[in-house]
Amino acid sequence: MMSDDGTIVTKEKVEKYLALTAEARAKATPIAETEEDLSRLDSMMRMCDDYQADAKHFLEKGDLVRAFGAINYAHAWIDAAVRIGLMDGYDDDRLFTLP
């Protein structure tokens, strides 16, 4: 159940964002070229994956607020990698904040 104004964090809302982040993670592809940029990208995607795992853990524990926060952090790491040009988001402005 969710309030009309969207202020309630629900299991369904967290699951929606988990799915959205998984879709973004699958779609974005690396375009970094230098070893330094590839290393940075690897670190960013590890952070994404760790936060996504945290979100799932919190969801399983019933901690919806922390789950929602964690999945938003996860998505932000992918979004940032696309935004700064380390990954290609294929002009998908639904999944990414494009440059």
C-alpha atoms as a PDB file:
ATOM      1  CA  MET A   1       0.000   0.000   0.000  1.00  0.00           C
ATOM      2  CA  MET A   2       1.238   3.493  -0.860  1.00  0.00           C
ATOM      3  CA  SER A   3      -0.128   6.903  -0.094  1.00  0.00           C
ATOM      4  CA  ASP A   4      -1.342   9.027  -2.976  1.00  0.00           C
ATOM      5  CA  ASP A   5       1.501  11.484  -2.554  1.00  0.00           C
ATOM      6  CA  GLY A   6       4.219   8.792  -2.689  1.00  0.00           C
ATOM      7  CA  THR A   7       5.578   9.476   0.787  1.00  0.00           C
ATOM      8  CA  ILE A   8       5.317   5.906   2.037  1.00  0.00           C
ATOM      9  CA  VAL A   9       8.171   3.492   1.314  1.00  0.00           C
ATOM     10  CA  THR A  10       6.628   0.143   0.421  1.00  0.00           C
ATOM     11  CA  LYS A  11       8.029  -3.247  -0.511  1.00  0.00           C
ATOM     12  CA  GLU A  12       6.608  -2.726  -4.006  1.00  0.00           C
ATOM     13  CA  LYS A  13       8.391   0.614  -4.372  1.00  0.00           C
ATOM     14  CA  VAL A  14      11.724  -0.895  -3.302  1.00  0.00           C
ATOM     15  CA  GLU A  15      11.211  -3.830  -5.685  1.00  0.00           C
ATOM     16  CA  LYS A  16      10.422  -1.389  -8.513  1.00  0.00           C
ATOM     17  CA  TYR A  17      13.712   0.429  -7.958  1.00  0.00           C
ATOM     18  CA  LEU A  18      15.651  -2.818  -7.566  1.00  0.00           C
ATOM     19  CA  ALA A  19      14.342  -3.843 -10.996  1.00  0.00           C
ATOM     20  CA  LEU A  20      15.092  -0.417 -12.497  1.00  0.00           C
ATOM     21  CA  THR A  21      18.657  -0.516 -11.185  1.00  0.00           C
ATOM     22  CA  ALA A  22      19.172  -4.064 -12.452  1.00  0.00           C
ATOM     23  CA  GLU A  23      17.930  -2.928 -15.870  1.00  0.00           C
ATOM     24  CA  ALA A  24      20.307   0.047 -15.853  1.00  0.00           C
ATOM     25  CA  ARG A  25      23.226  -2.138 -14.730  1.00  0.00           C
ATOM     26  CA  ALA A  26      22.545  -4.564 -17.583  1.00  0.00           C
ATOM     27  CA  LYS A  27      22.131  -1.855 -20.212  1.00  0.00           C
ATOM     28  CA  ALA A  28      25.096   0.422 -19.519  1.00  0.00           C
ATOM     29  CA  THR A  29      28.306  -0.768 -21.104  1.00  0.00           C
ATOM     30  CA  PRO A  30      31.875   0.324 -20.411  1.00  0.00           C
ATOM     31  CA  ILE A  31      33.433   2.853 -22.773  1.00  0.00           C
ATOM     32  CA  ALA A  32      36.352   3.814 -20.536  1.00  0.00           C
ATOM     33  CA  GLU A  33      39.607   3.499 -22.421  1.00  0.00           C
ATOM     34  CA  THR A  34      42.536   4.136 -20.110  1.00  0.00           C
ATOM     35  CA  GLU A  35      43.661   1.774 -17.379  1.00  0.00           C
ATOM     36  CA  GLU A  36      43.017   4.527 -14.844  1.00  0.00           C
ATOM     37  CA  ASP A  37      39.443   5.053 -16.069  1.00  0.00           C
ATOM     38  CA  LEU A  38      38.798   1.306 -16.221  1.00  0.00           C
ATOM     39  CA  SER A  39      39.996   1.029 -12.626  1.00  0.00           C
ATOM     40  CA  ARG A  40      37.717   3.892 -11.570  1.00  0.00           C
ATOM     41  CA  LEU A  41      34.789   2.295 -13.369  1.00  0.00           C
ATOM     42  CA  ASP A  42      35.471  -1.058 -11.723  1.00  0.00           C
ATOM     43  CA  SER A  43      35.440   0.621  -8.323  1.00  0.00           C
ATOM     44  CA  MET A  44      32.192   2.441  -9.117  1.00  0.00           C
ATOM     45  CA  MET A  45      30.456  -0.734 -10.269  1.00  0.00           C
ATOM     46  CA  ARG A  46      31.631  -2.606  -7.157  1.00  0.00           C
ATOM     47  CA  MET A  47      29.994   0.142  -5.097  1.00  0.00           C
ATOM     48  CA  CYS A  48      26.837  -0.207  -7.176  1.00  0.00           C
ATOM     49  CA  ASP A  49      26.755  -3.965  -6.694  1.00  0.00           C
ATOM     50  CA  ASP A  50      27.466  -3.687  -2.968  1.00  0.00           C
ATOM     51  CA  TYR A  51      24.680  -1.166  -2.427  1.00  0.00           C
ATOM     52  CA  GLN A  52      22.315  -3.286  -4.516  1.00  0.00           C
ATOM     53  CA  ALA A  53      23.136  -6.307  -2.336  1.00  0.00           C
ATOM     54  CA  ASP A  54      22.606  -4.158   0.765  1.00  0.00           C
ATOM     55  CA  ALA A  55      19.201  -3.086  -0.543  1.00  0.00           C
ATOM     56  CA  LYS A  56      18.167  -6.706  -1.030  1.00  0.00           C
ATOM     57  CA  HIS A  57      19.424  -7.591   2.450  1.00  0.00           C
ATOM     58  CA  PHE A  58      17.492  -4.736   4.067  1.00  0.00           C
ATOM     59  CA  LEU A  59      14.383  -5.640   2.076  1.00  0.00           C
ATOM     60  CA  GLU A  60      14.574  -9.231   3.297  1.00  0.00           C
ATOM     61  CA  LYS A  61      14.881  -7.923   6.879  1.00  0.00           C
ATOM     62  CA  GLY A  62      11.838  -5.685   6.378  1.00  0.00           C
ATOM     63  CA  ASP A  63      13.874  -2.481   6.732  1.00  0.00           C
ATOM     64  CA  LEU A  64      12.257  -0.658   3.825  1.00  0.00           C
ATOM     65  CA  VAL A  65      13.758   2.756   4.528  1.00  0.00           C
ATOM     66  CA  ARG A  66      17.344   1.470   4.440  1.00  0.00           C
ATOM     67  CA  ALA A  67      16.516  -0.733   1.419  1.00  0.00           C
ATOM     68  CA  PHE A  68      15.144   2.269  -0.463  1.00  0.00           C
ATOM     69  CA  GLY A  69      18.157   4.383   0.441  1.00  0.00           C
ATOM     70  CA  ALA A  70      20.615   1.676  -0.578  1.00  0.00           C
ATOM     71  CA  ILE A  71      19.020   1.023  -3.962  1.00  0.00           C
ATOM     72  CA  ASN A  72      19.066   4.727  -4.741  1.00  0.00           C
ATOM     73  CA  TYR A  73      22.788   4.859  -3.901  1.00  0.00           C
ATOM     74  CA  ALA A  74      23.345   1.828  -6.141  1.00  0.00           C
ATOM     75  CA  HIS A  75      21.604   3.462  -9.055  1.00  0.00           C
ATOM     76  CA  ALA A  76      23.492   6.694  -8.487  1.00  0.00           C
ATOM     77  CA  TRP A  77      26.820   4.915  -9.051  1.00  0.00           C
ATOM     78  CA  ILE A  78      25.682   3.658 -12.469  1.00  0.00           C
ATOM     79  CA  ASP A  79      24.158   7.011 -13.307  1.00  0.00           C
ATOM     80  CA  ALA A  80      27.388   8.785 -12.387  1.00  0.00           C
ATOM     81  CA  ALA A  81      29.472   6.442 -14.548  1.00  0.00           C
ATOM     82  CA  VAL A  82      27.230   7.196 -17.523  1.00  0.00           C
ATOM     83  CA  ARG A  83      27.159  10.898 -16.763  1.00  0.00           C
ATOM     84  CA  ILE A  84      30.961  11.249 -16.663  1.00  0.00           C
ATOM     85  CA  GLY A  85      31.462   9.153 -19.787  1.00  0.00           C
ATOM     86  CA  LEU A  86      32.855   5.904 -18.386  1.00  0.00           C
ATOM     87  CA  MET A  87      29.785   3.961 -19.551  1.00  0.00           C
ATOM     88  CA  ASP A  88      27.390   4.269 -22.470  1.00  0.00           C
ATOM     89  CA  GLY A  89      23.750   4.693 -21.457  1.00  0.00           C
ATOM     90  CA  TYR A  90      22.565   4.571 -25.080  1.00  0.00           C
ATOM     91  CA  ASP A  91      20.685   7.865 -24.755  1.00  0.00           C
ATOM     92  CA  ASP A  92      18.212   6.244 -22.347  1.00  0.00           C
ATOM     93  CA  ASP A  93      16.931   9.165 -20.303  1.00  0.00           C
ATOM     94  CA  ARG A  94      14.550   6.889 -18.387  1.00  0.00           C
ATOM     95  CA  LEU A  95      17.403   4.949 -16.795  1.00  0.00           C
ATOM     96  CA  PHE A  96      20.132   7.582 -16.683  1.00  0.00           C
ATOM     97  CA  THR A  97      20.734  11.297 -16.199  1.00  0.00           C
ATOM     98  CA  LEU A  98      22.420  11.995 -19.475  1.00  0.00           C
ATOM     99  CA  PRO A  99      25.144  14.568 -20.141  1.00  0.00           C
END
